[in-house]
Protein backbone atom coordinates (compact mmCIF):
# COMPACT_ATOMS: atom_id res chain seq x y z
CA UNK A 1 48.95 -22.65 170.26
CA UNK A 2 51.40 -23.81 167.54
CA UNK A 3 50.08 -24.83 164.18
CA UNK A 4 51.33 -27.65 162.28
CA UNK A 5 52.46 -25.27 159.52
CA UNK A 6 54.46 -23.02 161.84
CA UNK A 7 58.35 -22.95 161.71
CA UNK A 8 58.18 -23.88 165.80
CA UNK A 9 55.76 -27.00 165.14
CA UNK A 10 59.15 -29.12 165.71
CA UNK A 11 60.53 -27.23 168.53
CA UNK A 12 61.12 -27.71 172.03
CA UNK A 13 58.69 -26.33 174.20
CA UNK A 14 59.49 -25.47 178.12
CA UNK A 15 56.56 -25.02 180.76
CA UNK A 16 56.50 -25.16 184.70
CA UNK A 17 54.46 -27.14 186.51
CA UNK A 18 51.56 -24.75 186.23
CA UNK A 19 51.66 -24.96 182.26
CA UNK A 20 53.32 -21.38 182.39
CA UNK A 21 55.44 -21.17 179.12
CA UNK A 22 59.07 -20.72 180.17
CA UNK A 23 60.38 -20.50 176.28
CA UNK A 24 61.17 -22.94 173.40
CA UNK A 25 64.36 -23.80 171.20
CA UNK A 26 65.01 -25.60 168.12
CA UNK A 27 65.19 -29.48 168.06
CA UNK A 28 68.91 -30.72 167.03
CA UNK A 29 69.39 -33.92 165.02
CA UNK A 30 70.74 -36.52 167.42
CA UNK A 31 71.16 -39.23 164.79
CA UNK A 32 73.64 -41.54 166.04
CA UNK A 33 76.96 -41.14 164.15
CA UNK A 34 80.22 -43.00 163.56
CA UNK A 35 82.50 -40.16 165.50
CA UNK A 36 80.04 -40.29 168.66
CA UNK A 37 81.34 -41.41 171.64
CA UNK A 38 80.40 -43.55 174.78
CA UNK A 39 80.96 -42.39 178.31
CA UNK A 40 80.01 -44.54 181.45
CA UNK A 41 78.53 -42.15 184.19
CA UNK A 42 80.53 -42.70 187.38
CA UNK A 43 79.99 -41.11 190.81
CA UNK A 44 80.72 -37.58 190.99
CA UNK A 45 80.13 -37.28 187.12
CA UNK A 46 78.21 -33.67 186.29
CA UNK A 47 77.04 -32.96 182.59
CA UNK A 48 78.78 -29.32 182.71
CA UNK A 49 81.99 -31.58 183.38
CA UNK A 50 81.30 -33.84 180.78
CA UNK A 51 80.56 -31.22 178.29
CA UNK A 52 83.70 -29.19 179.17
CA UNK A 53 85.60 -32.66 178.70
CA UNK A 54 84.08 -33.88 175.28
CA UNK A 55 82.54 -30.89 173.75
CA UNK A 56 85.38 -28.21 175.14
CA UNK A 57 82.60 -26.02 176.72
CA UNK A 58 80.64 -26.66 179.87
CA UNK A 59 77.89 -24.87 178.60
CA UNK A 60 76.93 -26.97 175.99
CA UNK A 61 75.62 -29.79 178.88
CA UNK A 62 72.15 -29.55 176.89
CA UNK A 63 73.39 -31.35 173.80
CA UNK A 64 74.50 -34.66 176.00
CA UNK A 65 70.73 -34.09 177.51
CA UNK A 66 69.04 -33.97 174.04
CA UNK A 67 71.24 -36.59 172.86
CA UNK A 68 70.25 -39.13 175.69
CA UNK A 69 66.77 -37.81 176.57
CA UNK A 70 67.69 -36.81 179.76
CA UNK A 71 65.00 -34.83 181.47
CA UNK A 72 66.39 -34.72 184.93
CA UNK A 73 69.77 -33.50 184.17
CA UNK A 74 71.16 -33.85 187.68
CA UNK A 75 69.96 -37.25 188.64
CA UNK A 76 72.94 -39.14 186.77
CA UNK A 77 73.32 -42.87 187.80
CA UNK A 78 76.33 -44.67 187.98
CA UNK A 79 76.82 -47.35 185.15
CA UNK A 80 74.55 -44.50 182.70
CA UNK A 81 76.08 -45.06 179.11
CA UNK A 82 76.14 -41.69 177.73
CA UNK A 83 76.30 -40.96 173.71
CA UNK A 84 78.25 -37.80 173.24
CA UNK A 85 78.64 -36.31 169.79
CA UNK A 86 82.19 -35.55 168.53
CA UNK A 87 83.39 -31.88 169.00
CA UNK A 88 83.78 -31.20 165.73
CA UNK A 89 80.34 -32.47 164.77
CA UNK A 90 78.73 -30.13 167.56
CA UNK A 91 80.79 -27.15 166.18
CA UNK A 92 79.98 -27.53 162.42
CA UNK A 93 76.54 -28.58 162.60
CA UNK A 94 74.45 -27.85 165.88
CA UNK A 95 76.00 -24.51 166.64
CA UNK A 96 75.74 -22.67 163.40
C-alpha cells in the first residue's frame, strides 16, 4: 500500500485484471495551454502516427492518451477531438 505522504502517492498505477501490479509512473501536468493543438480523428488514425506527426516521436503516444484521458488507446472513434500539447512543451517540460 502506498501512503499519502509517499512520493508515489500521485503516480499512475497499472494493474492487470487479477490485480497484479504491472508498474507505475509519475502523472504529467495536462493543464490546457495556449499552444495545444486540436486534432479531429479520422478513419485510420493511430496514436503512434499522431505522436510522430505532432510530437516528432511515435513512442510518445502515451502523452496524447494522458492529455485526453484515453484508457483504450486502440479505440479511436472518427470525429473524436484530441488535445495535443506542442512539441516544444513536451520536450522542455514533460521529458526532463
